[in-house]
C-alpha cells in the first residue's frame, strides 16, 4: 500500500489510467479475464484518497475516455470484413477524432 501511496502523491491521475489499462486488458485480443476482479481497485483508491471533486471528475473522464476509446476502436475495426461498411467505418473514425479532441 505504501508503494501505491507514493506513486499517487507524485502523479494524481496514474491510478485511473492504470484502471483503464487493466480494463482494456480484460477484453480481446488480450483476454486477461481474471483481472476483472481487481481492475477497479486502483480507481477506488483514487476515489477515496482524493478530496477535490474536480480531480475525481477528471480521473473518471480519463478512465472512461481510455476504455471507451478502445471499445469504440475495436468495434469499428471489426466492421472491416464487410465490404460495404468501409465508408461507414471511415466516417466514424474521422468523426471520432473531433469528439475526443473536444472533450
Protein backbone atom coordinates (compact mmCIF):
# COMPACT_ATOMS: atom_id res chain seq x y z
CA UNK A 1 0.00 0.00 0.00
CA UNK A 2 2.94 2.32 0.64
CA UNK A 3 4.06 1.96 -2.99
CA UNK A 4 0.62 2.95 -4.30
CA UNK A 5 0.54 5.97 -1.98
CA UNK A 6 3.99 7.09 -3.14
CA UNK A 7 3.01 6.77 -6.81
CA UNK A 8 -0.26 8.60 -6.14
CA UNK A 9 1.46 11.56 -4.49
CA UNK A 10 3.81 12.04 -7.46
CA UNK A 11 1.14 11.78 -10.17
CA UNK A 12 -2.50 12.16 -9.22
CA UNK A 13 -4.04 10.53 -12.29
CA UNK A 14 -1.87 7.42 -12.51
CA UNK A 15 -4.45 5.28 -10.66
CA UNK A 16 -7.40 5.94 -13.02
CA UNK A 17 -5.11 5.43 -16.03
CA UNK A 18 -3.92 2.14 -14.52
CA UNK A 19 -7.52 1.02 -14.06
CA UNK A 20 -8.33 1.94 -17.66
CA UNK A 21 -5.35 -0.01 -19.00
CA UNK A 22 -6.30 -3.02 -16.88
CA UNK A 23 -9.88 -2.78 -18.17
CA UNK A 24 -8.58 -2.80 -21.74
CA UNK A 25 -6.50 -5.89 -20.99
CA UNK A 26 -9.61 -7.82 -19.94
CA UNK A 27 -11.09 -7.70 -23.47
CA UNK A 28 -9.96 -9.48 -26.65
CA UNK A 29 -7.32 -9.92 -28.04
CA UNK A 30 -5.59 -9.84 -24.64
CA UNK A 31 -8.19 -11.91 -22.72
CA UNK A 32 -6.81 -11.46 -19.21
CA UNK A 33 -10.35 -12.05 -17.90
CA UNK A 34 -9.18 -12.80 -14.36
CA UNK A 35 -8.19 -9.13 -13.98
CA UNK A 36 -11.87 -8.20 -13.88
CA UNK A 37 -11.95 -9.00 -10.18
CA UNK A 38 -9.33 -6.37 -9.25
CA UNK A 39 -9.39 -3.93 -12.15
CA UNK A 40 -11.25 -1.13 -10.38
CA UNK A 41 -9.26 -1.27 -7.13
CA UNK A 42 -6.80 1.46 -8.22
CA UNK A 43 -9.70 3.68 -9.26
CA UNK A 44 -11.47 3.15 -5.92
CA UNK A 45 -8.26 4.02 -4.07
CA UNK A 46 -8.14 7.20 -6.15
CA UNK A 47 -11.76 8.00 -5.27
CA UNK A 48 -11.25 7.53 -1.54
CA UNK A 49 -7.98 9.45 -1.35
CA UNK A 50 -8.93 12.43 -3.49
CA UNK A 51 -10.80 15.30 -1.86
CA UNK A 52 -11.32 17.53 -4.88
CA UNK A 53 -14.48 16.91 -6.90
CA UNK A 54 -12.77 18.38 -9.97
CA UNK A 55 -9.89 15.87 -9.79
CA UNK A 56 -12.32 12.99 -9.24
CA UNK A 57 -14.27 14.09 -12.31
CA UNK A 58 -11.11 14.36 -14.43
CA UNK A 59 -9.93 10.95 -13.21
CA UNK A 60 -13.25 9.37 -14.11
CA UNK A 61 -13.18 11.04 -17.51
CA UNK A 62 -9.67 9.71 -18.15
CA UNK A 63 -10.75 6.19 -17.25
CA UNK A 64 -13.88 6.47 -19.39
CA UNK A 65 -12.12 8.00 -22.40
CA UNK A 66 -9.35 5.42 -22.50
CA UNK A 67 -11.70 2.47 -22.02
CA UNK A 68 -14.47 3.66 -24.32
CA UNK A 69 -11.90 4.71 -26.91
CA UNK A 70 -10.54 1.16 -27.01
CA UNK A 71 -14.02 -0.36 -27.15
CA UNK A 72 -15.05 2.00 -29.95
CA UNK A 73 -11.91 1.28 -31.94
CA UNK A 74 -12.23 -2.49 -31.56
CA UNK A 75 -15.92 -2.39 -32.51
CA UNK A 76 -15.32 -0.23 -35.58
CA UNK A 77 -12.34 -2.29 -36.72
CA UNK A 78 -14.49 -5.43 -36.62
CA UNK A 79 -16.70 -3.96 -39.37
CA UNK A 80 -13.88 -4.04 -41.94
CA UNK A 81 -14.72 -7.54 -43.12
CA UNK A 82 -18.00 -6.20 -44.57
CA UNK A 83 -17.26 -4.69 -47.95
CA UNK A 84 -20.00 -2.07 -47.88
CA UNK A 85 -19.12 -0.96 -44.35
CA UNK A 86 -15.80 0.58 -45.41
CA UNK A 87 -17.35 4.01 -45.96
CA UNK A 88 -19.18 3.78 -42.64
CA UNK A 89 -16.07 2.84 -40.67
CA UNK A 90 -14.01 5.57 -42.32
CA UNK A 91 -16.62 8.21 -41.48
CA UNK A 92 -16.92 7.05 -37.89
CA UNK A 93 -13.14 7.05 -37.44
CA UNK A 94 -12.87 10.62 -38.71
CA UNK A 95 -15.89 11.79 -36.71
CA UNK A 96 -14.46 10.22 -33.55
CA UNK A 97 -11.32 12.41 -33.68
CA UNK A 98 -13.09 15.76 -33.06
CA UNK A 99 -15.21 14.26 -30.28
CA UNK A 100 -12.10 13.14 -28.39
CA UNK A 101 -10.31 16.43 -29.10
CA UNK A 102 -13.20 18.49 -27.75
CA UNK A 103 -13.56 16.53 -24.52
